[in-house]
Every structure is written in structure tokens, then in C-alpha cells.
Amino acid sequence: PFQAGARPRYECWAPDPPYFYEPCFDWLDAWVTAAHAAGLWVVLAARGVLAAGGDDAHPQANVVRNEATRAQFFAMWRHVAAR
């Protein structure tokens, strides 16, 4: 959750399905298009505090241990991959 106007530049998480902040596609599409035009492969990865056990203070909040967070993570990737 972010305060109005406080969203980190490349933070694409959204609180509602599909759990992806749609304006992120603007720069993501541009980067993928530029890489493709240069003959490069693109590998997308997700990094974050709630990924793979990275938040020791809230161990039940990450995608490994929390089923709801994991479901949101997978829904987000399905949405991005469908693009």
C-alpha cells in the first residue's frame, strides 16, 4: 500500500486483481520492444520483500509460505504473460 503519489517508480504491484499496476506496461512494453529490436532475449523476473521468503519480520506474508499471496503472485504473472 502506498500513499497518494508515493508509488516507487518501478513498483507494479496492485491490491486488486490482476494484482498488476497497468501503467507499468508502458515502460515494460518499451523495454521489451527495444530489446527485441536489438536481437536480445528478455527474461522477466519478480523481486521483492514478499518474494521467496525475503521478509523475516513477516514470514507468513511471502509467496512461499502464504497461499493467498502466492495466488496473487501467480495471477499477476498470468496477466503479464497474456500480454
N, C-alpha and C. Protein backbone atom coordinates (compact mmCIF):
# COMPACT_ATOMS: atom_id res chain seq x y z
N PRO A 1 0.83 -1.20 0.00
CA PRO A 1 0.00 0.00 0.00
C PRO A 1 0.86 1.25 0.00
N PHE A 2 0.50 2.17 -0.83
CA PHE A 2 1.27 3.39 -0.98
C PHE A 2 0.39 4.59 -0.70
N GLN A 3 1.01 5.64 -0.20
CA GLN A 3 0.29 6.90 -0.05
C GLN A 3 0.17 7.52 -1.43
N ALA A 4 -0.85 8.35 -1.62
CA ALA A 4 -1.05 9.00 -2.92
C ALA A 4 0.23 9.68 -3.38
N GLY A 5 0.64 9.38 -4.61
CA GLY A 5 1.83 9.98 -5.18
C GLY A 5 3.13 9.39 -4.68
N ALA A 6 3.09 8.35 -3.84
CA ALA A 6 4.31 7.81 -3.26
C ALA A 6 4.72 6.47 -3.85
N ARG A 7 4.08 6.02 -4.94
CA ARG A 7 4.42 4.74 -5.55
C ARG A 7 5.86 4.76 -6.06
N PRO A 8 6.69 3.80 -5.62
CA PRO A 8 8.05 3.72 -6.16
C PRO A 8 8.02 3.58 -7.68
N ARG A 9 9.01 4.10 -8.35
CA ARG A 9 9.00 4.21 -9.81
C ARG A 9 8.65 2.92 -10.53
N TYR A 10 9.27 1.82 -10.16
CA TYR A 10 9.02 0.56 -10.88
C TYR A 10 8.24 -0.44 -10.04
N GLU A 11 7.42 0.03 -9.14
CA GLU A 11 6.57 -0.86 -8.33
C GLU A 11 5.31 -1.14 -9.13
N CYS A 12 5.08 -2.39 -9.46
CA CYS A 12 3.95 -2.75 -10.30
C CYS A 12 2.87 -3.55 -9.57
N TRP A 13 3.03 -3.76 -8.29
CA TRP A 13 2.01 -4.47 -7.53
C TRP A 13 0.76 -3.61 -7.43
N ALA A 14 -0.41 -4.25 -7.48
CA ALA A 14 -1.68 -3.56 -7.27
C ALA A 14 -2.50 -4.40 -6.29
N PRO A 15 -3.33 -3.79 -5.48
CA PRO A 15 -4.07 -4.51 -4.44
C PRO A 15 -5.25 -5.33 -4.95
N ASP A 16 -5.67 -5.10 -6.19
CA ASP A 16 -6.84 -5.79 -6.74
C ASP A 16 -6.45 -6.60 -7.97
N PRO A 17 -7.23 -7.66 -8.28
CA PRO A 17 -6.93 -8.46 -9.47
C PRO A 17 -6.85 -7.57 -10.71
N PRO A 18 -5.90 -7.82 -11.58
CA PRO A 18 -4.96 -8.94 -11.61
C PRO A 18 -3.67 -8.70 -10.84
N TYR A 19 -3.69 -7.80 -9.87
CA TYR A 19 -2.56 -7.53 -8.98
C TYR A 19 -1.36 -6.94 -9.71
N PHE A 20 -1.64 -6.24 -10.81
CA PHE A 20 -0.60 -5.59 -11.61
C PHE A 20 -1.05 -4.17 -11.90
N TYR A 21 -0.19 -3.21 -11.68
CA TYR A 21 -0.46 -1.80 -11.93
C TYR A 21 -0.31 -1.55 -13.43
N GLU A 22 -1.42 -1.41 -14.11
CA GLU A 22 -1.44 -1.37 -15.58
C GLU A 22 -0.49 -0.34 -16.20
N PRO A 23 -0.31 0.86 -15.63
CA PRO A 23 0.64 1.80 -16.24
C PRO A 23 2.07 1.26 -16.36
N CYS A 24 2.40 0.22 -15.61
CA CYS A 24 3.74 -0.39 -15.73
C CYS A 24 3.96 -0.98 -17.12
N PHE A 25 2.88 -1.34 -17.80
CA PHE A 25 3.04 -1.88 -19.15
C PHE A 25 3.65 -0.85 -20.10
N ASP A 26 3.48 0.44 -19.83
CA ASP A 26 4.05 1.47 -20.70
C ASP A 26 5.56 1.30 -20.82
N TRP A 27 6.26 1.26 -19.68
CA TRP A 27 7.71 1.12 -19.75
C TRP A 27 8.14 -0.32 -20.01
N LEU A 28 7.37 -1.29 -19.51
CA LEU A 28 7.73 -2.69 -19.75
C LEU A 28 7.66 -3.01 -21.24
N ASP A 29 6.59 -2.59 -21.90
CA ASP A 29 6.46 -2.80 -23.35
C ASP A 29 7.59 -2.13 -24.12
N ALA A 30 7.94 -0.91 -23.72
CA ALA A 30 9.02 -0.19 -24.41
C ALA A 30 10.35 -0.92 -24.27
N TRP A 31 10.63 -1.40 -23.06
CA TRP A 31 11.90 -2.12 -22.85
C TRP A 31 11.95 -3.43 -23.62
N VAL A 32 10.86 -4.18 -23.60
CA VAL A 32 10.83 -5.46 -24.31
C VAL A 32 10.94 -5.23 -25.82
N THR A 33 10.25 -4.22 -26.33
CA THR A 33 10.32 -3.89 -27.76
C THR A 33 11.74 -3.50 -28.16
N ALA A 34 12.38 -2.67 -27.35
CA ALA A 34 13.75 -2.25 -27.66
C ALA A 34 14.72 -3.43 -27.63
N ALA A 35 14.58 -4.29 -26.65
CA ALA A 35 15.45 -5.47 -26.57
C ALA A 35 15.24 -6.38 -27.76
N HIS A 36 13.99 -6.62 -28.11
CA HIS A 36 13.67 -7.47 -29.25
C HIS A 36 14.25 -6.88 -30.54
N ALA A 37 14.11 -5.57 -30.72
CA ALA A 37 14.64 -4.91 -31.92
C ALA A 37 16.16 -5.03 -32.00
N ALA A 38 16.81 -5.14 -30.86
CA ALA A 38 18.27 -5.30 -30.82
C ALA A 38 18.70 -6.75 -30.92
N GLY A 39 17.73 -7.66 -31.07
CA GLY A 39 18.05 -9.07 -31.18
C GLY A 39 18.37 -9.74 -29.85
N LEU A 40 17.90 -9.15 -28.78
CA LEU A 40 18.18 -9.69 -27.44
C LEU A 40 17.01 -10.50 -26.91
N TRP A 41 17.31 -11.44 -26.04
CA TRP A 41 16.30 -12.18 -25.31
C TRP A 41 15.90 -11.37 -24.09
N VAL A 42 14.69 -11.53 -23.64
CA VAL A 42 14.21 -10.84 -22.45
C VAL A 42 13.78 -11.87 -21.42
N VAL A 43 14.25 -11.70 -20.21
CA VAL A 43 13.84 -12.55 -19.09
C VAL A 43 13.20 -11.64 -18.05
N LEU A 44 11.94 -11.88 -17.75
CA LEU A 44 11.25 -11.09 -16.73
C LEU A 44 11.37 -11.81 -15.40
N ALA A 45 11.60 -11.05 -14.36
CA ALA A 45 11.73 -11.62 -13.02
C ALA A 45 11.00 -10.73 -12.03
N ALA A 46 10.55 -11.34 -10.96
CA ALA A 46 9.92 -10.57 -9.89
C ALA A 46 10.82 -10.62 -8.68
N ARG A 47 11.06 -9.45 -8.11
CA ARG A 47 11.87 -9.36 -6.90
C ARG A 47 11.08 -8.53 -5.91
N GLY A 48 11.23 -8.85 -4.66
CA GLY A 48 10.54 -8.05 -3.68
C GLY A 48 10.59 -8.64 -2.29
N VAL A 49 10.17 -7.85 -1.35
CA VAL A 49 10.17 -8.25 0.04
C VAL A 49 9.31 -9.49 0.26
N LEU A 50 8.20 -9.61 -0.46
CA LEU A 50 7.31 -10.74 -0.25
C LEU A 50 7.62 -11.93 -1.16
N ALA A 51 8.69 -11.83 -1.91
CA ALA A 51 9.10 -12.95 -2.75
C ALA A 51 9.95 -13.92 -1.93
N ALA A 52 9.86 -15.16 -2.24
CA ALA A 52 10.70 -16.25 -1.73
C ALA A 52 11.32 -16.07 -0.35
N GLY A 53 10.51 -15.71 0.61
CA GLY A 53 10.99 -15.70 1.99
C GLY A 53 11.84 -14.52 2.37
N GLY A 54 11.76 -13.41 1.64
CA GLY A 54 12.64 -12.28 1.89
C GLY A 54 12.28 -11.41 3.07
N ASP A 55 11.13 -11.61 3.69
CA ASP A 55 10.72 -10.75 4.80
C ASP A 55 10.70 -11.56 6.09
N ASP A 56 11.81 -11.56 6.80
CA ASP A 56 11.90 -12.33 8.05
C ASP A 56 10.98 -11.81 9.14
N ALA A 57 10.64 -10.54 9.09
CA ALA A 57 9.76 -9.96 10.10
C ALA A 57 8.32 -10.44 9.95
N HIS A 58 7.95 -10.81 8.73
CA HIS A 58 6.58 -11.28 8.45
C HIS A 58 6.66 -12.55 7.61
N PRO A 59 7.15 -13.66 8.18
CA PRO A 59 7.40 -14.87 7.38
C PRO A 59 6.15 -15.46 6.73
N GLN A 60 4.98 -15.20 7.29
CA GLN A 60 3.77 -15.76 6.68
C GLN A 60 3.24 -14.91 5.52
N ALA A 61 3.90 -13.80 5.22
CA ALA A 61 3.41 -12.90 4.18
C ALA A 61 4.02 -13.18 2.81
N ASN A 62 5.01 -14.07 2.72
CA ASN A 62 5.69 -14.22 1.44
C ASN A 62 5.04 -15.29 0.56
N VAL A 63 5.46 -15.34 -0.69
CA VAL A 63 4.83 -16.23 -1.67
C VAL A 63 5.11 -17.71 -1.41
N VAL A 64 6.11 -18.02 -0.64
CA VAL A 64 6.42 -19.41 -0.34
C VAL A 64 5.49 -19.95 0.74
N ARG A 65 5.25 -19.15 1.76
CA ARG A 65 4.50 -19.64 2.92
C ARG A 65 3.03 -19.25 2.94
N ASN A 66 2.63 -18.25 2.17
CA ASN A 66 1.27 -17.75 2.25
C ASN A 66 0.50 -18.05 0.96
N GLU A 67 -0.52 -18.88 1.08
CA GLU A 67 -1.28 -19.32 -0.10
C GLU A 67 -1.95 -18.16 -0.83
N ALA A 68 -2.51 -17.22 -0.09
CA ALA A 68 -3.19 -16.07 -0.72
C ALA A 68 -2.20 -15.20 -1.50
N THR A 69 -1.05 -14.93 -0.89
CA THR A 69 -0.02 -14.13 -1.56
C THR A 69 0.49 -14.87 -2.79
N ARG A 70 0.67 -16.17 -2.67
CA ARG A 70 1.12 -16.99 -3.80
C ARG A 70 0.10 -16.94 -4.94
N ALA A 71 -1.18 -17.04 -4.62
CA ALA A 71 -2.24 -16.99 -5.65
C ALA A 71 -2.22 -15.64 -6.37
N GLN A 72 -2.00 -14.56 -5.62
CA GLN A 72 -1.92 -13.23 -6.24
C GLN A 72 -0.70 -13.13 -7.15
N PHE A 73 0.41 -13.68 -6.70
CA PHE A 73 1.65 -13.68 -7.48
C PHE A 73 1.45 -14.41 -8.81
N PHE A 74 0.83 -15.58 -8.75
CA PHE A 74 0.59 -16.35 -9.97
C PHE A 74 -0.41 -15.65 -10.88
N ALA A 75 -1.44 -15.03 -10.30
CA ALA A 75 -2.42 -14.29 -11.11
C ALA A 75 -1.74 -13.13 -11.84
N MET A 76 -0.84 -12.44 -11.15
CA MET A 76 -0.12 -11.33 -11.77
C MET A 76 0.71 -11.83 -12.95
N TRP A 77 1.43 -12.95 -12.77
CA TRP A 77 2.27 -13.46 -13.85
C TRP A 77 1.43 -13.96 -15.02
N ARG A 78 0.28 -14.56 -14.75
CA ARG A 78 -0.61 -14.97 -15.86
C ARG A 78 -1.04 -13.74 -16.65
N HIS A 79 -1.36 -12.67 -15.95
CA HIS A 79 -1.78 -11.42 -16.61
C HIS A 79 -0.66 -10.85 -17.48
N VAL A 80 0.54 -10.78 -16.93
CA VAL A 80 1.68 -10.25 -17.68
C VAL A 80 2.00 -11.15 -18.86
N ALA A 81 2.00 -12.45 -18.67
CA ALA A 81 2.32 -13.38 -19.76
C ALA A 81 1.29 -13.33 -20.88
N ALA A 82 0.03 -13.06 -20.55
CA ALA A 82 -1.02 -12.99 -21.57
C ALA A 82 -0.86 -11.77 -22.46
N ARG A 83 -0.10 -10.81 -22.01
CA ARG A 83 0.12 -9.57 -22.77
C ARG A 83 0.86 -9.91 -24.04
